[in-house]
C-alpha atoms as a PDB file:
ATOM      1  CA  MET A   1       0.018   0.086  -0.027  1.00  0.00           C
ATOM      2  CA  LEU A   2       1.309   3.872  -0.247  1.00  0.00           C
ATOM      3  CA  ARG A   3       2.206   5.586   2.859  1.00  0.00           C
ATOM      4  CA  ILE A   4       3.441   9.179   3.460  1.00  0.00           C
ATOM      5  CA  ARG A   5       5.984   9.788   5.852  1.00  0.00           C
ATOM      6  CA  HIS A   6       8.698  11.960   6.797  1.00  0.00           C
ATOM      7  CA  GLU A   7      12.291  10.842   8.381  1.00  0.00           C
ATOM      8  CA  VAL A   8      13.670  14.484   9.583  1.00  0.00           C
ATOM      9  CA  ASN A   9      11.956  17.319  10.470  1.00  0.00           C
ATOM     10  CA  GLY A  10      11.308  20.337   7.799  1.00  0.00           C
ATOM     11  CA  GLY A  11       8.953  21.960   5.868  1.00  0.00           C
ATOM     12  CA  PRO A  12       6.181  19.730   3.407  1.00  0.00           C
ATOM     13  CA  GLU A  13       9.424  18.788   1.577  1.00  0.00           C
ATOM     14  CA  VAL A  14      10.293  16.597   3.568  1.00  0.00           C
ATOM     15  CA  LEU A  15       6.980  14.370   2.890  1.00  0.00           C
ATOM     16  CA  PHE A  16       7.510  11.114   0.964  1.00  0.00           C
ATOM     17  CA  ALA A  17       5.752   8.365  -0.614  1.00  0.00           C
ATOM     18  CA  GLU A  18       6.484   4.984  -0.289  1.00  0.00           C
ATOM     19  CA  GLU A  19       4.906   1.076  -0.945  1.00  0.00           C
ATOM     20  CA  VAL A  20       4.804  -1.075   2.455  1.00  0.00           C
ATOM     21  CA  ASP A  21       2.711  -3.917   3.340  1.00  0.00           C
ATOM     22  CA  ARG A  22      -0.596  -3.503   4.602  1.00  0.00           C
ATOM     23  CA  PRO A  23      -0.971  -3.280   8.645  1.00  0.00           C
ATOM     24  CA  GLU A  24      -2.848  -5.619  10.568  1.00  0.00           C
ATOM     25  CA  ALA A  25      -5.706  -4.864  12.877  1.00  0.00           C
ATOM     26  CA  GLY A  26      -4.672  -5.844  16.402  1.00  0.00           C
ATOM     27  CA  ALA A  27      -7.173  -6.778  19.489  1.00  0.00           C
ATOM     28  CA  GLY A  28      -9.713  -3.989  19.957  1.00  0.00           C
ATOM     29  CA  GLU A  29      -8.545  -2.831  16.706  1.00  0.00           C
ATOM     30  CA  VAL A  30     -10.516  -2.341  13.161  1.00  0.00           C
ATOM     31  CA  LEU A  31      -8.594  -1.705   9.718  1.00  0.00           C
ATOM     32  CA  VAL A  32      -9.696   0.780   7.284  1.00  0.00           C
ATOM     33  CA  ARG A  33      -9.657   1.392   3.660  1.00  0.00           C
ATOM     34  CA  VAL A  34      -9.032   5.037   4.247  1.00  0.00           C
ATOM     35  CA  GLU A  35     -10.661   7.508   1.522  1.00  0.00           C
ATOM     36  CA  ALA A  36     -10.236  10.668   3.104  1.00  0.00           C
ATOM     37  CA  VAL A  37      -7.348  11.971   5.333  1.00  0.00           C
ATOM     38  CA  GLY A  38      -8.361  15.471   7.411  1.00  0.00           C
ATOM     39  CA  VAL A  39      -5.179  17.320   7.517  1.00  0.00           C
ATOM     40  CA  THR A  40      -4.349  19.191  11.052  1.00  0.00           C
ATOM     41  CA  LEU A  41      -2.236  22.373  11.783  1.00  0.00           C
ATOM     42  CA  PRO A  42      -0.800  20.525  14.853  1.00  0.00           C
ATOM     43  CA  THR A  43       0.158  17.606  12.362  1.00  0.00           C
ATOM     44  CA  VAL A  44       2.030  20.207   9.877  1.00  0.00           C
ATOM     45  CA  ARG A  45       3.370  21.501  12.930  1.00  0.00           C
ATOM     46  CA  MET A  46       4.453  17.877  14.272  1.00  0.00           C
ATOM     47  CA  VAL A  47       6.527  17.521  11.085  1.00  0.00           C
ATOM     48  CA  ARG A  48       8.433  20.941  10.722  1.00  0.00           C
ATOM     49  CA  GLU A  49       9.317  21.382  14.408  1.00  0.00           C
ATOM     50  CA  GLY A  50       8.305  18.013  15.944  1.00  0.00           C
ATOM     51  CA  SER A  51      11.378  16.161  18.179  1.00  0.00           C
ATOM     52  CA  GLY A  52      12.238  13.825  15.637  1.00  0.00           C
ATOM     53  CA  PRO A  53       9.961  12.123  13.125  1.00  0.00           C
ATOM     54  CA  VAL A  54       7.771   9.490  13.935  1.00  0.00           C
ATOM     55  CA  PRO A  55       4.174   7.952  12.660  1.00  0.00           C
ATOM     56  CA  PHE A  56       2.326  10.356  12.268  1.00  0.00           C
ATOM     57  CA  GLY A  57      -1.706  10.292  12.677  1.00  0.00           C
ATOM     58  CA  GLY A  58      -4.480  11.590  11.674  1.00  0.00           C
ATOM     59  CA  GLU A  59      -8.207  11.990  10.577  1.00  0.00           C
ATOM     60  CA  VAL A  60      -9.207   8.775   8.480  1.00  0.00           C
ATOM     61  CA  ALA A  61     -13.098   7.705   6.941  1.00  0.00           C
ATOM     62  CA  GLY A  62     -13.256   4.453   4.850  1.00  0.00           C
ATOM     63  CA  GLU A  63     -14.636   1.238   5.037  1.00  0.00           C
ATOM     64  CA  VAL A  64     -13.918  -1.280   7.881  1.00  0.00           C
ATOM     65  CA  VAL A  65     -12.157  -4.320   6.143  1.00  0.00           C
ATOM     66  CA  ALA A  66     -10.832  -6.317   8.810  1.00  0.00           C
ATOM     67  CA  ALA A  67     -12.026  -6.218  12.687  1.00  0.00           C
ATOM     68  CA  GLY A  68      -9.476  -7.675  15.852  1.00  0.00           C
ATOM     69  CA  ALA A  69     -10.147 -10.026  18.789  1.00  0.00           C
ATOM     70  CA  GLY A  70     -12.876  -8.359  20.839  1.00  0.00           C
ATOM     71  CA  VAL A  71     -14.119  -6.028  18.445  1.00  0.00           C
ATOM     72  CA  THR A  72     -17.748  -6.008  18.709  1.00  0.00           C
ATOM     73  CA  SER A  73     -18.806  -2.253  18.045  1.00  0.00           C
ATOM     74  CA  VAL A  74     -17.898  -2.090  14.086  1.00  0.00           C
ATOM     75  CA  GLY A  75     -17.612  -4.862  11.692  1.00  0.00           C
ATOM     76  CA  VAL A  76     -16.344  -5.242   8.397  1.00  0.00           C
ATOM     77  CA  GLY A  77     -18.366  -3.623   5.890  1.00  0.00           C
ATOM     78  CA  ASP A  78     -19.225  -0.561   7.958  1.00  0.00           C
ATOM     79  CA  ARG A  79     -18.422   2.981   6.941  1.00  0.00           C
ATOM     80  CA  VAL A  80     -16.768   4.908  10.498  1.00  0.00           C
ATOM     81  CA  THR A  81     -14.424   7.967  10.835  1.00  0.00           C
ATOM     82  CA  GLY A  82     -12.159   8.221  13.645  1.00  0.00           C
ATOM     83  CA  LEU A  83      -8.812   9.840  15.297  1.00  0.00           C
ATOM     84  CA  CYS A  84      -6.047   7.577  13.661  1.00  0.00           C
ATOM     85  CA  PHE A  85      -2.626   7.531  15.755  1.00  0.00           C
ATOM     86  CA  ALA A  86      -0.016   6.840  13.734  1.00  0.00           C
ATOM     87  CA  ASP A  87       0.515   6.036   9.789  1.00  0.00           C
ATOM     88  CA  ALA A  88      -3.005   8.168   8.972  1.00  0.00           C
ATOM     89  CA  TYR A  89      -1.646   9.025   5.663  1.00  0.00           C
ATOM     90  CA  ALA A  90      -2.278   5.721   4.212  1.00  0.00           C
ATOM     91  CA  GLU A  91      -3.688   3.710   1.874  1.00  0.00           C
ATOM     92  CA  PHE A  92      -5.163   1.969   4.648  1.00  0.00           C
ATOM     93  CA  ALA A  93      -5.122   2.552   8.671  1.00  0.00           C
ATOM     94  CA  VAL A  94      -5.752   1.345  12.001  1.00  0.00           C
ATOM     95  CA  LEU A  95      -8.227   2.767  13.992  1.00  0.00           C
ATOM     96  CA  ASN A  96      -8.462   1.740  18.225  1.00  0.00           C
ATOM     97  CA  ALA A  97     -12.661   0.778  17.682  1.00  0.00           C
ATOM     98  CA  ALA A  98     -13.935   2.533  20.321  1.00  0.00           C
ATOM     99  CA  MET A  99     -12.403   5.850  18.508  1.00  0.00           C
ATOM    100  CA  ALA A 100     -14.407   4.179  15.051  1.00  0.00           C
ATOM    101  CA  SER A 101     -17.580   6.469  14.549  1.00  0.00           C
ATOM    102  CA  PRO A 102     -19.988   5.278  12.247  1.00  0.00           C
ATOM    103  CA  ILE A 103     -20.904   7.414   9.015  1.00  0.00           C
ATOM    104  CA  PRO A 104     -24.226   8.063   8.464  1.00  0.00           C
ATOM    105  CA  ASP A 105     -26.012   7.357   5.441  1.00  0.00           C
ATOM    106  CA  GLY A 106     -26.137   9.421   2.419  1.00  0.00           C
ATOM    107  CA  ALA A 107     -22.519  11.173   3.993  1.00  0.00           C
ATOM    108  CA  THR A 108     -19.299  11.087   2.026  1.00  0.00           C
ATOM    109  CA  ALA A 109     -15.684  10.483   3.606  1.00  0.00           C
ATOM    110  CA  VAL A 110     -14.872  13.584   2.638  1.00  0.00           C
ATOM    111  CA  GLU A 111     -17.868  15.381   4.475  1.00  0.00           C
ATOM    112  CA  ALA A 112     -17.044  13.183   7.756  1.00  0.00           C
ATOM    113  CA  VAL A 113     -13.142  14.424   8.422  1.00  0.00           C
ATOM    114  CA  ALA A 114     -14.442  17.460   7.689  1.00  0.00           C
ATOM    115  CA  LEU A 115     -17.299  17.732  10.211  1.00  0.00           C
ATOM    116  CA  VAL A 116     -16.262  15.232  12.871  1.00  0.00           C
ATOM    117  CA  ARG A 117     -13.538  16.281  14.970  1.00  0.00           C
ATOM    118  CA  SER A 118     -13.228  19.879  13.931  1.00  0.00           C
ATOM    119  CA  GLY A 119     -16.621  19.830  14.545  1.00  0.00           C
ATOM    120  CA  LEU A 120     -16.329  18.237  18.134  1.00  0.00           C
ATOM    121  CA  VAL A 121     -13.436  20.864  18.834  1.00  0.00           C
ATOM    122  CA  ALA A 122     -15.493  23.879  17.786  1.00  0.00           C
ATOM    123  CA  ARG A 123     -18.181  22.552  20.446  1.00  0.00           C
ATOM    124  CA  GLY A 124     -16.071  21.394  23.182  1.00  0.00           C
ATOM    125  CA  ALA A 125     -14.387  24.998  22.884  1.00  0.00           C
ATOM    126  CA  TYR A 126     -17.403  26.863  22.434  1.00  0.00           C
ATOM    127  CA  GLU A 127     -19.056  25.199  25.616  1.00  0.00           C
ATOM    128  CA  ALA A 128     -15.734  25.354  27.728  1.00  0.00           C
ATOM    129  CA  ALA A 129     -16.421  29.040  27.311  1.00  0.00           C
ATOM    130  CA  ARG A 130     -19.710  29.386  28.993  1.00  0.00           C
ATOM    131  CA  THR A 131     -20.732  30.800  26.275  1.00  0.00           C
ATOM    132  CA  GLU A 132     -24.437  32.915  27.448  1.00  0.00           C
ATOM    133  CA  PRO A 133     -26.509  34.278  24.571  1.00  0.00           C
ATOM    134  CA  GLY A 134     -26.241  38.155  23.775  1.00  0.00           C
ATOM    135  CA  GLU A 135     -22.364  38.209  24.483  1.00  0.00           C
ATOM    136  CA  SER A 136     -19.979  38.983  21.825  1.00  0.00           C
ATOM    137  CA  VAL A 137     -17.708  36.295  20.764  1.00  0.00           C
ATOM    138  CA  LEU A 138     -14.237  36.233  18.802  1.00  0.00           C
ATOM    139  CA  VAL A 139     -12.465  33.397  16.656  1.00  0.00           C
ATOM    140  CA  THR A 140      -9.499  32.732  15.161  1.00  0.00           C
ATOM    141  CA  ALA A 141      -8.352  30.848  12.654  1.00  0.00           C
ATOM    142  CA  ALA A 142     -11.423  31.621  11.742  1.00  0.00           C
ATOM    143  CA  ALA A 143     -11.251  30.468   7.707  1.00  0.00           C
ATOM    144  CA  SER A 144      -9.843  26.531   9.151  1.00  0.00           C
ATOM    145  CA  ALA A 145     -12.002  23.677   9.275  1.00  0.00           C
ATOM    146  CA  VAL A 146     -12.399  24.271  13.203  1.00  0.00           C
ATOM    147  CA  GLY A 147     -12.826  28.407  12.865  1.00  0.00           C
ATOM    148  CA  THR A 148     -15.713  27.641  10.345  1.00  0.00           C
ATOM    149  CA  LEU A 149     -17.575  25.898  12.831  1.00  0.00           C
ATOM    150  CA  ALA A 150     -16.712  28.211  15.464  1.00  0.00           C
ATOM    151  CA  LEU A 151     -18.508  30.489  13.765  1.00  0.00           C
ATOM    152  CA  GLN A 152     -21.504  28.782  13.182  1.00  0.00           C
ATOM    153  CA  TYR A 153     -21.720  27.378  16.846  1.00  0.00           C
ATOM    154  CA  ALA A 154     -21.586  30.929  17.844  1.00  0.00           C
ATOM    155  CA  ARG A 155     -24.015  32.684  15.841  1.00  0.00           C
ATOM    156  CA  ALA A 156     -26.535  29.342  16.351  1.00  0.00           C
ATOM    157  CA  GLY A 157     -25.866  29.927  20.380  1.00  0.00           C
ATOM    158  CA  GLY A 158     -27.302  33.730  19.968  1.00  0.00           C
ATOM    159  CA  ALA A 159     -24.126  35.973  19.986  1.00  0.00           C
ATOM    160  CA  ALA A 160     -24.545  39.202  19.839  1.00  0.00           C
ATOM    161  CA  ARG A 161     -21.625  39.722  17.877  1.00  0.00           C
ATOM    162  CA  VAL A 162     -19.757  37.320  16.120  1.00  0.00           C
ATOM    163  CA  VAL A 163     -16.172  38.425  14.798  1.00  0.00           C
ATOM    164  CA  ALA A 164     -13.726  36.448  12.719  1.00  0.00           C
ATOM    165  CA  ALA A 165      -9.722  36.911  13.198  1.00  0.00           C
ATOM    166  CA  VAL A 166      -7.753  35.676  10.192  1.00  0.00           C
ATOM    167  CA  SER A 167      -4.469  36.275   8.225  1.00  0.00           C
ATOM    168  CA  SER A 168      -5.212  37.597   4.881  1.00  0.00           C
ATOM    169  CA  ALA A 169      -8.125  40.285   3.461  1.00  0.00           C
ATOM    170  CA  ASP A 170      -8.668  37.657   1.021  1.00  0.00           C
ATOM    171  CA  LYS A 171     -10.902  35.264   3.514  1.00  0.00           C
ATOM    172  CA  ALA A 172     -12.999  38.279   4.557  1.00  0.00           C
ATOM    173  CA  ASP A 173     -15.956  37.274   2.393  1.00  0.00           C
ATOM    174  CA  PHE A 174     -15.658  33.221   2.979  1.00  0.00           C
ATOM    175  CA  VAL A 175     -15.917  34.159   6.572  1.00  0.00           C
ATOM    176  CA  ARG A 176     -18.600  36.636   6.811  1.00  0.00           C
ATOM    177  CA  GLY A 177     -20.863  34.129   4.227  1.00  0.00           C
ATOM    178  CA  LEU A 178     -20.444  31.864   7.442  1.00  0.00           C
ATOM    179  CA  GLY A 179     -21.721  33.878  10.211  1.00  0.00           C
ATOM    180  CA  ALA A 180     -19.214  36.619  11.074  1.00  0.00           C
ATOM    181  CA  ASP A 181     -20.302  40.268  11.671  1.00  0.00           C
ATOM    182  CA  GLU A 182     -17.156  41.731  10.732  1.00  0.00           C
ATOM    183  CA  VAL A 183     -13.158  40.530  10.498  1.00  0.00           C
ATOM    184  CA  VAL A 184     -10.236  41.501  11.487  1.00  0.00           C
ATOM    185  CA  LEU A 185      -6.628  40.591  10.391  1.00  0.00           C
ATOM    186  CA  TYR A 186      -4.138  39.510  12.690  1.00  0.00           C
ATOM    187  CA  GLU A 187      -2.186  42.681  12.053  1.00  0.00           C
ATOM    188  CA  ASP A 188      -4.250  44.913  12.657  1.00  0.00           C
ATOM    189  CA  ALA A 189      -3.250  47.262  15.561  1.00  0.00           C
ATOM    190  CA  ASP A 190      -7.498  47.278  16.766  1.00  0.00           C
ATOM    191  CA  TRP A 191      -8.858  43.938  16.920  1.00  0.00           C
ATOM    192  CA  GLY A 192     -12.796  45.717  17.793  1.00  0.00           C
ATOM    193  CA  ALA A 193     -12.228  44.776  21.580  1.00  0.00           C
ATOM    194  CA  PRO A 194     -13.569  44.126  23.782  1.00  0.00           C
ATOM    195  CA  TYR A 195     -15.111  40.748  23.303  1.00  0.00           C
ATOM    196  CA  ASP A 196     -16.564  38.433  25.990  1.00  0.00           C
ATOM    197  CA  VAL A 197     -15.390  35.466  24.662  1.00  0.00           C
ATOM    198  CA  ILE A 198     -12.353  34.337  22.098  1.00  0.00           C
ATOM    199  CA  LEU A 199     -11.903  31.109  20.655  1.00  0.00           C
ATOM    200  CA  ASP A 200      -8.056  30.424  20.128  1.00  0.00           C
ATOM    201  CA  GLY A 201      -7.046  27.987  17.190  1.00  0.00           C
ATOM    202  CA  VAL A 202      -3.618  29.441  16.709  1.00  0.00           C
ATOM    203  CA  GLY A 203      -1.626  30.471  19.632  1.00  0.00           C
ATOM    204  CA  GLY A 204       2.240  31.702  19.925  1.00  0.00           C
ATOM    205  CA  ASP A 205       2.423  35.301  19.515  1.00  0.00           C
ATOM    206  CA  LEU A 206      -0.818  35.935  19.211  1.00  0.00           C
ATOM    207  CA  LEU A 207      -2.077  34.765  22.378  1.00  0.00           C
ATOM    208  CA  GLY A 208      -0.724  38.332  23.594  1.00  0.00           C
ATOM    209  CA  PRO A 209      -3.314  40.655  21.537  1.00  0.00           C
ATOM    210  CA  ALA A 210      -6.001  38.232  22.079  1.00  0.00           C
ATOM    211  CA  VAL A 211      -5.801  38.575  25.785  1.00  0.00           C
ATOM    212  CA  ARG A 212      -5.497  41.824  25.523  1.00  0.00           C
ATOM    213  CA  ALA A 213      -8.930  41.972  23.468  1.00  0.00           C
ATOM    214  CA  LEU A 214     -11.106  40.228  26.180  1.00  0.00           C
ATOM    215  CA  ALA A 215     -13.358  42.096  28.047  1.00  0.00           C
ATOM    216  CA  THR A 216     -13.937  42.434  32.022  1.00  0.00           C
ATOM    217  CA  GLY A 217     -14.809  39.154  32.838  1.00  0.00           C
ATOM    218  CA  GLY A 218     -14.053  37.533  29.482  1.00  0.00           C
ATOM    219  CA  ARG A 219     -12.830  34.215  28.890  1.00  0.00           C
ATOM    220  CA  LEU A 220      -9.820  32.874  26.068  1.00  0.00           C
ATOM    221  CA  VAL A 221     -10.592  29.042  25.301  1.00  0.00           C
ATOM    222  CA  ALA A 222      -7.227  28.089  23.868  1.00  0.00           C
ATOM    223  CA  PHE A 223      -7.454  25.200  21.804  1.00  0.00           C
ATOM    224  CA  SER A 224      -4.400  25.444  19.396  1.00  0.00           C
ATOM    225  CA  SER A 225      -1.251  23.173  19.384  1.00  0.00           C
ATOM    226  CA  GLY A 226       1.143  26.610  18.691  1.00  0.00           C
ATOM    227  CA  GLY A 227       1.585  27.094  23.046  1.00  0.00           C
ATOM    228  CA  GLY A 228       2.471  30.583  23.443  1.00  0.00           C
ATOM    229  CA  THR A 229       2.703  32.457  27.039  1.00  0.00           C
ATOM    230  CA  VAL A 230       0.261  34.935  28.991  1.00  0.00           C
ATOM    231  CA  GLU A 231       1.079  37.544  31.585  1.00  0.00           C
ATOM    232  CA  ALA A 232      -0.729  36.820  34.371  1.00  0.00           C
ATOM    233  CA  TYR A 233      -1.295  40.545  34.832  1.00  0.00           C
ATOM    234  CA  GLU A 234      -2.786  40.941  31.675  1.00  0.00           C
ATOM    235  CA  LEU A 235      -5.864  38.433  33.068  1.00  0.00           C
ATOM    236  CA  LEU A 236      -5.718  39.970  36.540  1.00  0.00           C
ATOM    237  CA  VAL A 237      -7.046  43.415  35.605  1.00  0.00           C
ATOM    238  CA  ARG A 238      -9.718  42.028  33.560  1.00  0.00           C
ATOM    239  CA  GLY A 239     -10.719  39.968  36.166  1.00  0.00           C
ATOM    240  CA  ALA A 240     -10.392  37.815  32.812  1.00  0.00           C
ATOM    241  CA  SER A 241      -9.680  34.078  32.742  1.00  0.00           C
ATOM    242  CA  MET A 242      -8.327  31.578  30.280  1.00  0.00           C
ATOM    243  CA  ILE A 243      -9.275  27.533  29.668  1.00  0.00           C
ATOM    244  CA  GLY A 244      -7.163  24.976  27.699  1.00  0.00           C
ATOM    245  CA  PHE A 245      -8.939  22.294  25.609  1.00  0.00           C
ATOM    246  CA  GLN A 246      -8.400  19.345  24.348  1.00  0.00           C
ATOM    247  CA  MET A 247     -10.629  16.748  22.552  1.00  0.00           C
ATOM    248  CA  ARG A 248      -9.069  13.690  23.615  1.00  0.00           C
ATOM    249  CA  ALA A 249     -10.209  14.634  26.981  1.00  0.00           C
ATOM    250  CA  VAL A 250     -13.139  15.201  26.564  1.00  0.00           C
ATOM    251  CA  ALA A 251     -13.282  11.566  24.444  1.00  0.00           C
ATOM    252  CA  VAL A 252     -11.386   9.705  27.165  1.00  0.00           C
ATOM    253  CA  GLY A 253     -13.190  11.083  30.111  1.00  0.00           C
ATOM    254  CA  LYS A 254     -16.519  11.881  29.440  1.00  0.00           C
ATOM    255  CA  PRO A 255     -17.221   9.166  26.976  1.00  0.00           C
ATOM    256  CA  GLU A 256     -21.075   9.677  26.949  1.00  0.00           C
ATOM    257  CA  LEU A 257     -20.627  13.052  26.462  1.00  0.00           C
ATOM    258  CA  TYR A 258     -18.455  12.718  23.120  1.00  0.00           C
ATOM    259  CA  ALA A 259     -21.291  10.854  22.120  1.00  0.00           C
ATOM    260  CA  ARG A 260     -23.488  12.916  22.501  1.00  0.00           C
ATOM    261  CA  TRP A 261     -21.871  15.198  20.802  1.00  0.00           C
ATOM    262  CA  LEU A 262     -21.358  13.674  18.447  1.00  0.00           C
ATOM    263  CA  ARG A 263     -25.048  12.948  17.703  1.00  0.00           C
ATOM    264  CA  GLU A 264     -25.844  16.450  17.866  1.00  0.00           C
ATOM    265  CA  LEU A 265     -23.093  17.110  15.420  1.00  0.00           C
ATOM    266  CA  TRP A 266     -24.567  14.733  12.496  1.00  0.00           C
ATOM    267  CA  GLN A 267     -28.149  15.763  13.440  1.00  0.00           C
ATOM    268  CA  LEU A 268     -26.856  19.335  13.265  1.00  0.00           C
ATOM    269  CA  ARG A 269     -25.404  18.977   9.697  1.00  0.00           C
ATOM    270  CA  ALA A 270     -28.617  16.745   8.842  1.00  0.00           C
ATOM    271  CA  ALA A 271     -31.000  20.187   9.358  1.00  0.00           C
ATOM    272  CA  GLY A 272     -28.718  22.081   7.333  1.00  0.00           C
ATOM    273  CA  ALA A 273     -27.543  24.099  10.645  1.00  0.00           C
ATOM    274  CA  LEU A 274     -23.935  23.498  10.397  1.00  0.00           C
ATOM    275  CA  ARG A 275     -22.347  23.522   6.668  1.00  0.00           C
ATOM    276  CA  THR A 276     -18.952  21.665   6.433  1.00  0.00           C
ATOM    277  CA  ALA A 277     -16.172  23.419   4.069  1.00  0.00           C
ATOM    278  CA  VAL A 278     -13.734  21.805   1.939  1.00  0.00           C
ATOM    279  CA  HIS A 279     -11.275  24.045   0.782  1.00  0.00           C
ATOM    280  CA  GLU A 280      -9.632  21.171  -2.149  1.00  0.00           C
ATOM    281  CA  GLU A 281      -8.852  17.395  -2.587  1.00  0.00           C
ATOM    282  CA  ILE A 282      -5.794  16.733  -2.927  1.00  0.00           C
ATOM    283  CA  PRO A 283      -4.145  13.055  -4.165  1.00  0.00           C
ATOM    284  CA  LEU A 284      -2.486  11.785  -0.927  1.00  0.00           C
ATOM    285  CA  ARG A 285       0.890  11.411  -3.392  1.00  0.00           C
ATOM    286  CA  GLU A 286       0.768  15.467  -3.090  1.00  0.00           C
ATOM    287  CA  ALA A 287       0.459  15.428   0.836  1.00  0.00           C
ATOM    288  CA  ALA A 288       3.563  18.122   0.673  1.00  0.00           C
ATOM    289  CA  ARG A 289       1.245  20.219  -1.060  1.00  0.00           C
ATOM    290  CA  ALA A 290      -1.832  19.818   1.527  1.00  0.00           C
ATOM    291  CA  HIS A 291       0.614  20.681   4.020  1.00  0.00           C
ATOM    292  CA  THR A 292       1.727  23.888   1.893  1.00  0.00           C
ATOM    293  CA  LEU A 293      -1.263  24.601   2.077  1.00  0.00           C
ATOM    294  CA  ILE A 294      -1.739  25.257   5.171  1.00  0.00           C
ATOM    295  CA  GLU A 295       1.370  26.398   6.411  1.00  0.00           C
ATOM    296  CA  GLN A 296       1.298  29.444   4.419  1.00  0.00           C
ATOM    297  CA  ARG A 297      -2.491  30.118   5.291  1.00  0.00           C
ATOM    298  CA  ARG A 298      -4.003  30.009   2.406  1.00  0.00           C
ATOM    299  CA  ASN A 299      -6.798  27.346   2.876  1.00  0.00           C
ATOM    300  CA  LEU A 300     -10.655  28.376   3.065  1.00  0.00           C
ATOM    301  CA  GLY A 301     -11.536  25.092   5.567  1.00  0.00           C
ATOM    302  CA  LYS A 302     -10.523  21.952   5.160  1.00  0.00           C
ATOM    303  CA  VAL A 303      -7.655  19.950   3.508  1.00  0.00           C
ATOM    304  CA  VAL A 304      -8.234  16.285   2.708  1.00  0.00           C
ATOM    305  CA  LEU A 305      -6.226  13.865   1.068  1.00  0.00           C
ATOM    306  CA  ILE A 306      -7.568  10.814  -0.994  1.00  0.00           C
ATOM    307  CA  PRO A 307      -5.304   7.862  -1.349  1.00  0.00           C
END
């Protein structure tokens, strides 16, 4: 089978394709014939900045072709999506059966990888902020897969003002079409502050201006892999708070909540209350081009690899 990996850390150019044997599903695992792979910013950053080359994971969707011992939740022939922890950029991938969720009839694999993980992160970040109707909400990385869905959650949740923060002005019409009332650029001196809630998917150097844009009693939820530091004094003078959110903590620690959010996500999609945005479907062999799109912040929505 075809697999993409890297042997040294660096930019997209370090990715290469190779032919390897198809993996096997172990106990509690399923083997999936992959139809779509979601490319995420954490994976792109790991390739460039990681401590060493490791088999990177990612979101995959496709058909179960084999199930390991003890698997009863899904079976051969089922269409599933889930987070693969190693060798996701491949024609076949191994998933922990507990992480494999069914794709509803009528939905495509591309829709699944554009909706599930990104939608769950957007929902979780929105919930972590304890957002109330009538509040103002700013979403950074608003043109990303998570950002596009976070904008829609804020709009549907009754926010009085929804503002999208993006890297370039050419993304403005796109994010307005997904519910943003206003658009600000990262480089702007004034972000149109103050905001009751900021959902931050960027981190790094943007954490400073984001915290300074909080209203008194405001909440910033950080869900990116970008790291960064915040001066405690900036929170103190605003009576504000900063909250870290990680989807894995919900999936592992609160499986019933995770399952409910997942069901609701597909229900909202079916009702037309949530729209997924796919920037481009790219052949698996061109994974480097997919990473380049994300590193250059050119994507509008999800970038998907197709084996």
